[in-house]
Amino acid sequence: MSPSLRSRGLQDNKKGLVICQNKALELGVPSLIGSADFPFRGCPDITYVPYTGSLMGVGDMISQQLVERRGLQQHQAGRTLTMVSLGCGFVGPVVGGWYKVLDHLIPGTTKVHALKKMLLDQGGFAPCFLGCFLPLVGILNGMSAQDNWAKLKRDYPDALITNYYLWPAVQLANFYLVPLHYRLAVVQCVAIVWNSYLSWKAHQF
């Protein structure tokens, strides 16, 4: 890909991320963040999976209705269900499990510990996660292996770079300020913006 096309793609990604962020704020995402621990009280390990799936679905609805402006008649319900399924079957278990592993690898809650966790999360986990998530969406959408691989090569670099616009600062605060059992809740509330972007990016054909 030429530098000019890559630059244009990154500008589109930043624009798409900003649009998703603004639309999520209009819908009151801060109020969700303020009550993020509600469904986790008492049994966080059980509830974070459907909670993640629900927020993945919300992100897709924001993407379709407020970013892509499909309208209710053109809304792709199957696509929303796909994102909910990915949230319940992949994102929730994988990310929730990763936070436990990360806390075991780097115990402690000081600023230095939080920085180490963020660097390992964003340097190791995030690239692998995106590399699995994007092909999974393609598989669930019935794409052939060849088309899926071509789409991954096209979208992965831009998605990873866009990830670094949002997540390092969020994760640094998350690892330093938020208890382990509530980290996925906080992340998924912030991730309504990211989920909207991912849904938009993953369904560009």
C-alpha atoms as a PDB file:
ATOM      1  CA  MET A   1       0.000   0.000   0.000  1.00  0.00           C
ATOM      2  CA  SER A   2       1.383   3.430  -0.920  1.00  0.00           C
ATOM      3  CA  PRO A   3       2.180   5.955   1.864  1.00  0.00           C
ATOM      4  CA  SER A   4      -0.546   8.296   0.632  1.00  0.00           C
ATOM      5  CA  LEU A   5      -3.201   5.584   0.714  1.00  0.00           C
ATOM      6  CA  ARG A   6      -2.027   4.379   4.133  1.00  0.00           C
ATOM      7  CA  SER A   7      -2.124   7.970   5.453  1.00  0.00           C
ATOM      8  CA  ARG A   8      -5.629   8.412   4.050  1.00  0.00           C
ATOM      9  CA  GLY A   9      -6.693   5.122   5.665  1.00  0.00           C
ATOM     10  CA  LEU A  10      -5.375   6.198   9.061  1.00  0.00           C
ATOM     11  CA  GLN A  11      -7.163   9.519   8.749  1.00  0.00           C
ATOM     12  CA  ASP A  12     -10.401   7.651   7.994  1.00  0.00           C
ATOM     13  CA  ASN A  13      -9.793   5.415  11.020  1.00  0.00           C
ATOM     14  CA  LYS A  14      -9.259   8.386  13.313  1.00  0.00           C
ATOM     15  CA  LYS A  15     -12.372  10.043  11.914  1.00  0.00           C
ATOM     16  CA  GLY A  16     -14.405   6.864  12.390  1.00  0.00           C
ATOM     17  CA  LEU A  17     -13.149   6.481  15.973  1.00  0.00           C
ATOM     18  CA  VAL A  18     -14.013  10.107  16.797  1.00  0.00           C
ATOM     19  CA  ILE A  19     -17.520   9.715  15.324  1.00  0.00           C
ATOM     20  CA  CYS A  20     -18.086   6.556  17.380  1.00  0.00           C
ATOM     21  CA  GLN A  21     -16.831   8.339  20.501  1.00  0.00           C
ATOM     22  CA  ASN A  22     -19.115  11.328  19.997  1.00  0.00           C
ATOM     23  CA  LYS A  23     -22.169   9.165  19.319  1.00  0.00           C
ATOM     24  CA  ALA A  24     -21.464   7.037  22.387  1.00  0.00           C
ATOM     25  CA  LEU A  25     -21.174  10.154  24.540  1.00  0.00           C
ATOM     26  CA  GLU A  26     -24.508  11.382  23.176  1.00  0.00           C
ATOM     27  CA  LEU A  27     -26.065   8.106  24.324  1.00  0.00           C
ATOM     28  CA  GLY A  28     -24.802   8.586  27.869  1.00  0.00           C
ATOM     29  CA  VAL A  29     -21.869   6.220  28.044  1.00  0.00           C
ATOM     30  CA  PRO A  30     -20.400   8.161  31.015  1.00  0.00           C
ATOM     31  CA  SER A  31     -23.449   7.163  33.073  1.00  0.00           C
ATOM     32  CA  LEU A  32     -22.788   3.530  32.137  1.00  0.00           C
ATOM     33  CA  ILE A  33     -19.199   3.861  33.260  1.00  0.00           C
ATOM     34  CA  GLY A  34     -20.324   5.365  36.529  1.00  0.00           C
ATOM     35  CA  SER A  35     -22.387   2.272  37.275  1.00  0.00           C
ATOM     36  CA  ALA A  36     -20.071  -0.236  35.614  1.00  0.00           C
ATOM     37  CA  ASP A  37     -19.748  -2.412  38.684  1.00  0.00           C
ATOM     38  CA  PHE A  38     -23.508  -2.979  39.090  1.00  0.00           C
ATOM     39  CA  PRO A  39     -23.847  -6.273  37.163  1.00  0.00           C
ATOM     40  CA  PHE A  40     -20.589  -7.506  38.691  1.00  0.00           C
ATOM     41  CA  ARG A  41     -21.527  -7.260  42.341  1.00  0.00           C
ATOM     42  CA  GLY A  42     -21.459 -10.625  44.013  1.00  0.00           C
ATOM     43  CA  CYS A  43     -20.631 -12.800  40.977  1.00  0.00           C
ATOM     44  CA  PRO A  44     -18.338 -10.923  38.546  1.00  0.00           C
ATOM     45  CA  ASP A  45     -16.905 -14.045  36.904  1.00  0.00           C
ATOM     46  CA  ILE A  46     -20.389 -15.197  35.847  1.00  0.00           C
ATOM     47  CA  THR A  47     -21.811 -11.910  34.683  1.00  0.00           C
ATOM     48  CA  TYR A  48     -19.000 -10.360  32.665  1.00  0.00           C
ATOM     49  CA  VAL A  49     -19.542 -12.664  29.683  1.00  0.00           C
ATOM     50  CA  PRO A  50     -23.182 -11.696  28.877  1.00  0.00           C
ATOM     51  CA  TYR A  51     -22.378  -8.120  29.894  1.00  0.00           C
ATOM     52  CA  THR A  52     -19.577  -8.016  27.327  1.00  0.00           C
ATOM     53  CA  GLY A  53     -21.847  -9.558  24.690  1.00  0.00           C
ATOM     54  CA  SER A  54     -24.525  -6.942  25.355  1.00  0.00           C
ATOM     55  CA  LEU A  55     -22.073  -4.076  25.024  1.00  0.00           C
ATOM     56  CA  MET A  56     -20.674  -5.558  21.813  1.00  0.00           C
ATOM     57  CA  GLY A  57     -24.237  -5.536  20.476  1.00  0.00           C
ATOM     58  CA  VAL A  58     -24.701  -1.915  21.553  1.00  0.00           C
ATOM     59  CA  GLY A  59     -21.473  -0.999  19.781  1.00  0.00           C
ATOM     60  CA  ASP A  60     -22.696  -2.599  16.560  1.00  0.00           C
ATOM     61  CA  MET A  61     -26.038  -0.790  16.786  1.00  0.00           C
ATOM     62  CA  ILE A  62     -24.224   2.520  17.226  1.00  0.00           C
ATOM     63  CA  SER A  63     -22.081   1.653  14.221  1.00  0.00           C
ATOM     64  CA  GLN A  64     -25.014   0.744  12.000  1.00  0.00           C
ATOM     65  CA  GLN A  65     -27.472   3.434  13.041  1.00  0.00           C
ATOM     66  CA  LEU A  66     -25.392   6.457  13.992  1.00  0.00           C
ATOM     67  CA  VAL A  67     -22.168   6.021  12.012  1.00  0.00           C
ATOM     68  CA  GLU A  68     -23.270   4.169   8.871  1.00  0.00           C
ATOM     69  CA  ARG A  69     -26.833   5.598   9.122  1.00  0.00           C
ATOM     70  CA  ARG A  70     -28.519   2.467   7.780  1.00  0.00           C
ATOM     71  CA  GLY A  71     -31.909   3.195   9.346  1.00  0.00           C
ATOM     72  CA  LEU A  72     -34.090   0.627  11.062  1.00  0.00           C
ATOM     73  CA  GLN A  73     -35.296  -0.981   7.848  1.00  0.00           C
ATOM     74  CA  GLN A  74     -31.736  -1.565   6.641  1.00  0.00           C
ATOM     75  CA  HIS A  75     -30.410  -2.655  10.032  1.00  0.00           C
ATOM     76  CA  GLN A  76     -28.612  -5.998   9.799  1.00  0.00           C
ATOM     77  CA  ALA A  77     -29.877  -7.890  12.841  1.00  0.00           C
ATOM     78  CA  GLY A  78     -27.710 -10.896  11.984  1.00  0.00           C
ATOM     79  CA  ARG A  79     -24.625  -8.710  12.160  1.00  0.00           C
ATOM     80  CA  THR A  80     -25.615  -7.461  15.608  1.00  0.00           C
ATOM     81  CA  LEU A  81     -26.198 -11.021  16.800  1.00  0.00           C
ATOM     82  CA  THR A  82     -22.795 -11.970  15.424  1.00  0.00           C
ATOM     83  CA  MET A  83     -21.154  -9.266  17.506  1.00  0.00           C
ATOM     84  CA  VAL A  84     -23.126 -10.316  20.599  1.00  0.00           C
ATOM     85  CA  SER A  85     -22.020 -13.913  20.037  1.00  0.00           C
ATOM     86  CA  LEU A  86     -18.399 -12.824  19.681  1.00  0.00           C
ATOM     87  CA  GLY A  87     -18.691 -10.836  22.896  1.00  0.00           C
ATOM     88  CA  CYS A  88     -20.091 -13.799  24.826  1.00  0.00           C
ATOM     89  CA  GLY A  89     -18.035 -16.548  23.236  1.00  0.00           C
ATOM     90  CA  PHE A  90     -14.711 -14.856  22.560  1.00  0.00           C
ATOM     91  CA  VAL A  91     -14.147 -11.323  23.837  1.00  0.00           C
ATOM     92  CA  GLY A  92     -15.563 -11.747  27.352  1.00  0.00           C
ATOM     93  CA  PRO A  93     -13.837 -15.038  28.241  1.00  0.00           C
ATOM     94  CA  VAL A  94     -10.546 -14.183  26.521  1.00  0.00           C
ATOM     95  CA  VAL A  95     -10.153 -10.629  27.850  1.00  0.00           C
ATOM     96  CA  GLY A  96     -11.436 -11.538  31.312  1.00  0.00           C
ATOM     97  CA  GLY A  97      -9.057 -14.490  31.476  1.00  0.00           C
ATOM     98  CA  TRP A  98      -6.179 -12.368  30.220  1.00  0.00           C
ATOM     99  CA  TYR A  99      -6.643  -9.852  33.055  1.00  0.00           C
ATOM    100  CA  LYS A 100      -6.342 -12.667  35.589  1.00  0.00           C
ATOM    101  CA  VAL A 101      -3.190 -13.987  33.913  1.00  0.00           C
ATOM    102  CA  LEU A 102      -1.739 -10.479  33.717  1.00  0.00           C
ATOM    103  CA  ASP A 103      -2.436  -9.862  37.402  1.00  0.00           C
ATOM    104  CA  HIS A 104      -0.712 -13.139  38.223  1.00  0.00           C
ATOM    105  CA  LEU A 105       2.308 -12.330  36.053  1.00  0.00           C
ATOM    106  CA  ILE A 106       2.680  -8.800  37.416  1.00  0.00           C
ATOM    107  CA  PRO A 107       1.156  -8.626  40.912  1.00  0.00           C
ATOM    108  CA  GLY A 108       0.901  -5.227  42.516  1.00  0.00           C
ATOM    109  CA  THR A 109      -0.994  -1.979  42.052  1.00  0.00           C
ATOM    110  CA  THR A 110       1.715   0.678  42.050  1.00  0.00           C
ATOM    111  CA  LYS A 111       2.265   3.028  39.149  1.00  0.00           C
ATOM    112  CA  VAL A 112       5.256   0.959  37.999  1.00  0.00           C
ATOM    113  CA  HIS A 113       3.192  -2.242  38.070  1.00  0.00           C
ATOM    114  CA  ALA A 114       0.390  -0.532  36.145  1.00  0.00           C
ATOM    115  CA  LEU A 115       2.862   0.679  33.526  1.00  0.00           C
ATOM    116  CA  LYS A 116       4.328  -2.810  33.126  1.00  0.00           C
ATOM    117  CA  LYS A 117       0.851  -4.317  32.750  1.00  0.00           C
ATOM    118  CA  MET A 118      -0.123  -1.730  30.152  1.00  0.00           C
ATOM    119  CA  LEU A 119       3.029  -2.343  28.127  1.00  0.00           C
ATOM    120  CA  LEU A 120       2.534  -6.114  28.174  1.00  0.00           C
ATOM    121  CA  ASP A 121      -1.166  -5.752  27.409  1.00  0.00           C
ATOM    122  CA  GLN A 122      -0.695  -3.381  24.498  1.00  0.00           C
ATOM    123  CA  GLY A 123       2.576  -4.814  23.226  1.00  0.00           C
ATOM    124  CA  GLY A 124       1.663  -8.495  23.456  1.00  0.00           C
ATOM    125  CA  PHE A 125      -2.024  -9.127  23.951  1.00  0.00           C
ATOM    126  CA  ALA A 126      -3.619  -6.401  21.805  1.00  0.00           C
ATOM    127  CA  PRO A 127      -1.898  -7.376  18.529  1.00  0.00           C
ATOM    128  CA  CYS A 128      -2.787 -11.054  19.043  1.00  0.00           C
ATOM    129  CA  PHE A 129      -6.363 -10.241  20.032  1.00  0.00           C
ATOM    130  CA  LEU A 130      -6.983  -8.126  16.933  1.00  0.00           C
ATOM    131  CA  GLY A 131      -5.328 -10.760  14.775  1.00  0.00           C
ATOM    132  CA  CYS A 132      -7.886 -13.284  16.022  1.00  0.00           C
ATOM    133  CA  PHE A 133     -10.942 -11.021  16.213  1.00  0.00           C
ATOM    134  CA  LEU A 134     -10.950  -9.723  12.644  1.00  0.00           C
ATOM    135  CA  PRO A 135     -10.701 -13.195  11.017  1.00  0.00           C
ATOM    136  CA  LEU A 136     -13.393 -14.538  13.364  1.00  0.00           C
ATOM    137  CA  VAL A 137     -15.800 -11.874  12.116  1.00  0.00           C
ATOM    138  CA  GLY A 138     -14.958 -12.863   8.558  1.00  0.00           C
ATOM    139  CA  ILE A 139     -15.552 -16.555   9.300  1.00  0.00           C
ATOM    140  CA  LEU A 140     -18.907 -15.850  10.942  1.00  0.00           C
ATOM    141  CA  ASN A 141     -19.852 -13.732   7.929  1.00  0.00           C
ATOM    142  CA  GLY A 142     -19.120 -16.643   5.602  1.00  0.00           C
ATOM    143  CA  MET A 143     -16.030 -15.220   3.928  1.00  0.00           C
ATOM    144  CA  SER A 144     -13.711 -17.581   2.130  1.00  0.00           C
ATOM    145  CA  ALA A 145     -10.252 -18.195   3.580  1.00  0.00           C
ATOM    146  CA  GLN A 146      -8.644 -16.276   0.721  1.00  0.00           C
ATOM    147  CA  ASP A 147     -10.928 -13.242   1.085  1.00  0.00           C
ATOM    148  CA  ASN A 148     -10.586 -13.329   4.858  1.00  0.00           C
ATOM    149  CA  TRP A 149      -6.793 -13.334   4.645  1.00  0.00           C
ATOM    150  CA  ALA A 150      -6.802 -10.474   2.133  1.00  0.00           C
ATOM    151  CA  LYS A 151      -9.132  -8.458   4.392  1.00  0.00           C
ATOM    152  CA  LEU A 152      -6.938  -9.148   7.418  1.00  0.00           C
ATOM    153  CA  LYS A 153      -3.826  -7.932   5.602  1.00  0.00           C
ATOM    154  CA  ARG A 154      -5.719  -4.818   4.517  1.00  0.00           C
ATOM    155  CA  ASP A 155      -7.398  -3.922   7.823  1.00  0.00           C
ATOM    156  CA  TYR A 156      -5.100  -5.226  10.544  1.00  0.00           C
ATOM    157  CA  PRO A 157      -2.352  -2.555  10.440  1.00  0.00           C
ATOM    158  CA  ASP A 158      -4.832   0.318  10.499  1.00  0.00           C
ATOM    159  CA  ALA A 159      -6.908  -1.279  13.275  1.00  0.00           C
ATOM    160  CA  LEU A 160      -3.820  -1.882  15.412  1.00  0.00           C
ATOM    161  CA  ILE A 161      -2.573   1.681  14.990  1.00  0.00           C
ATOM    162  CA  THR A 162      -6.025   3.030  15.812  1.00  0.00           C
ATOM    163  CA  ASN A 163      -6.025   0.824  18.915  1.00  0.00           C
ATOM    164  CA  TYR A 164      -3.000   2.729  20.155  1.00  0.00           C
ATOM    165  CA  TYR A 165      -4.826   6.048  19.898  1.00  0.00           C
ATOM    166  CA  LEU A 166      -7.301   4.904  22.566  1.00  0.00           C
ATOM    167  CA  TRP A 167      -6.193   2.027  24.749  1.00  0.00           C
ATOM    168  CA  PRO A 168      -2.767   2.728  26.318  1.00  0.00           C
ATOM    169  CA  ALA A 169      -4.060   5.632  28.422  1.00  0.00           C
ATOM    170  CA  VAL A 170      -7.287   3.797  29.290  1.00  0.00           C
ATOM    171  CA  GLN A 171      -5.455   0.656  30.330  1.00  0.00           C
ATOM    172  CA  LEU A 172      -2.850   2.530  32.352  1.00  0.00           C
ATOM    173  CA  ALA A 173      -5.612   4.102  34.428  1.00  0.00           C
ATOM    174  CA  ASN A 174      -7.518   0.816  34.546  1.00  0.00           C
ATOM    175  CA  PHE A 175      -4.592  -1.214  35.895  1.00  0.00           C
ATOM    176  CA  TYR A 176      -3.661   1.457  38.443  1.00  0.00           C
ATOM    177  CA  LEU A 177      -7.064   2.486  39.769  1.00  0.00           C
ATOM    178  CA  VAL A 178      -9.534  -0.370  39.201  1.00  0.00           C
ATOM    179  CA  PRO A 179      -9.720  -3.668  41.147  1.00  0.00           C
ATOM    180  CA  LEU A 180      -9.247  -6.847  39.099  1.00  0.00           C
ATOM    181  CA  HIS A 181     -12.890  -7.966  39.140  1.00  0.00           C
ATOM    182  CA  TYR A 182     -14.099  -4.618  37.792  1.00  0.00           C
ATOM    183  CA  ARG A 183     -11.515  -4.059  35.073  1.00  0.00           C
ATOM    184  CA  LEU A 184     -13.441  -5.805  32.310  1.00  0.00           C
ATOM    185  CA  ALA A 185     -16.571  -3.814  33.216  1.00  0.00           C
ATOM    186  CA  VAL A 186     -14.764  -0.493  32.967  1.00  0.00           C
ATOM    187  CA  VAL A 187     -12.993  -1.522  29.783  1.00  0.00           C
ATOM    188  CA  GLN A 188     -16.210  -2.669  28.121  1.00  0.00           C
ATOM    189  CA  CYS A 189     -17.989   0.593  28.951  1.00  0.00           C
ATOM    190  CA  VAL A 190     -15.153   2.535  27.344  1.00  0.00           C
ATOM    191  CA  ALA A 191     -15.123  -0.098  24.620  1.00  0.00           C
ATOM    192  CA  ILE A 192     -18.592   0.881  23.405  1.00  0.00           C
ATOM    193  CA  VAL A 193     -16.632   3.426  21.380  1.00  0.00           C
ATOM    194  CA  TRP A 194     -14.073   0.806  20.326  1.00  0.00           C
ATOM    195  CA  ASN A 195     -16.734  -1.823  19.589  1.00  0.00           C
ATOM    196  CA  SER A 196     -18.511   0.620  17.298  1.00  0.00           C
ATOM    197  CA  TYR A 197     -15.246   1.224  15.460  1.00  0.00           C
ATOM    198  CA  LEU A 198     -14.406  -2.501  15.305  1.00  0.00           C
ATOM    199  CA  SER A 199     -17.838  -3.360  13.956  1.00  0.00           C
ATOM    200  CA  TRP A 200     -17.552  -0.651  11.307  1.00  0.00           C
ATOM    201  CA  LYS A 201     -14.013  -1.740  10.394  1.00  0.00           C
ATOM    202  CA  ALA A 202     -14.757  -5.478  10.420  1.00  0.00           C
ATOM    203  CA  HIS A 203     -17.750  -5.071   8.109  1.00  0.00           C
ATOM    204  CA  GLN A 204     -16.049  -2.960   5.466  1.00  0.00           C
ATOM    205  CA  PHE A 205     -15.913  -5.176   2.383  1.00  0.00           C
END
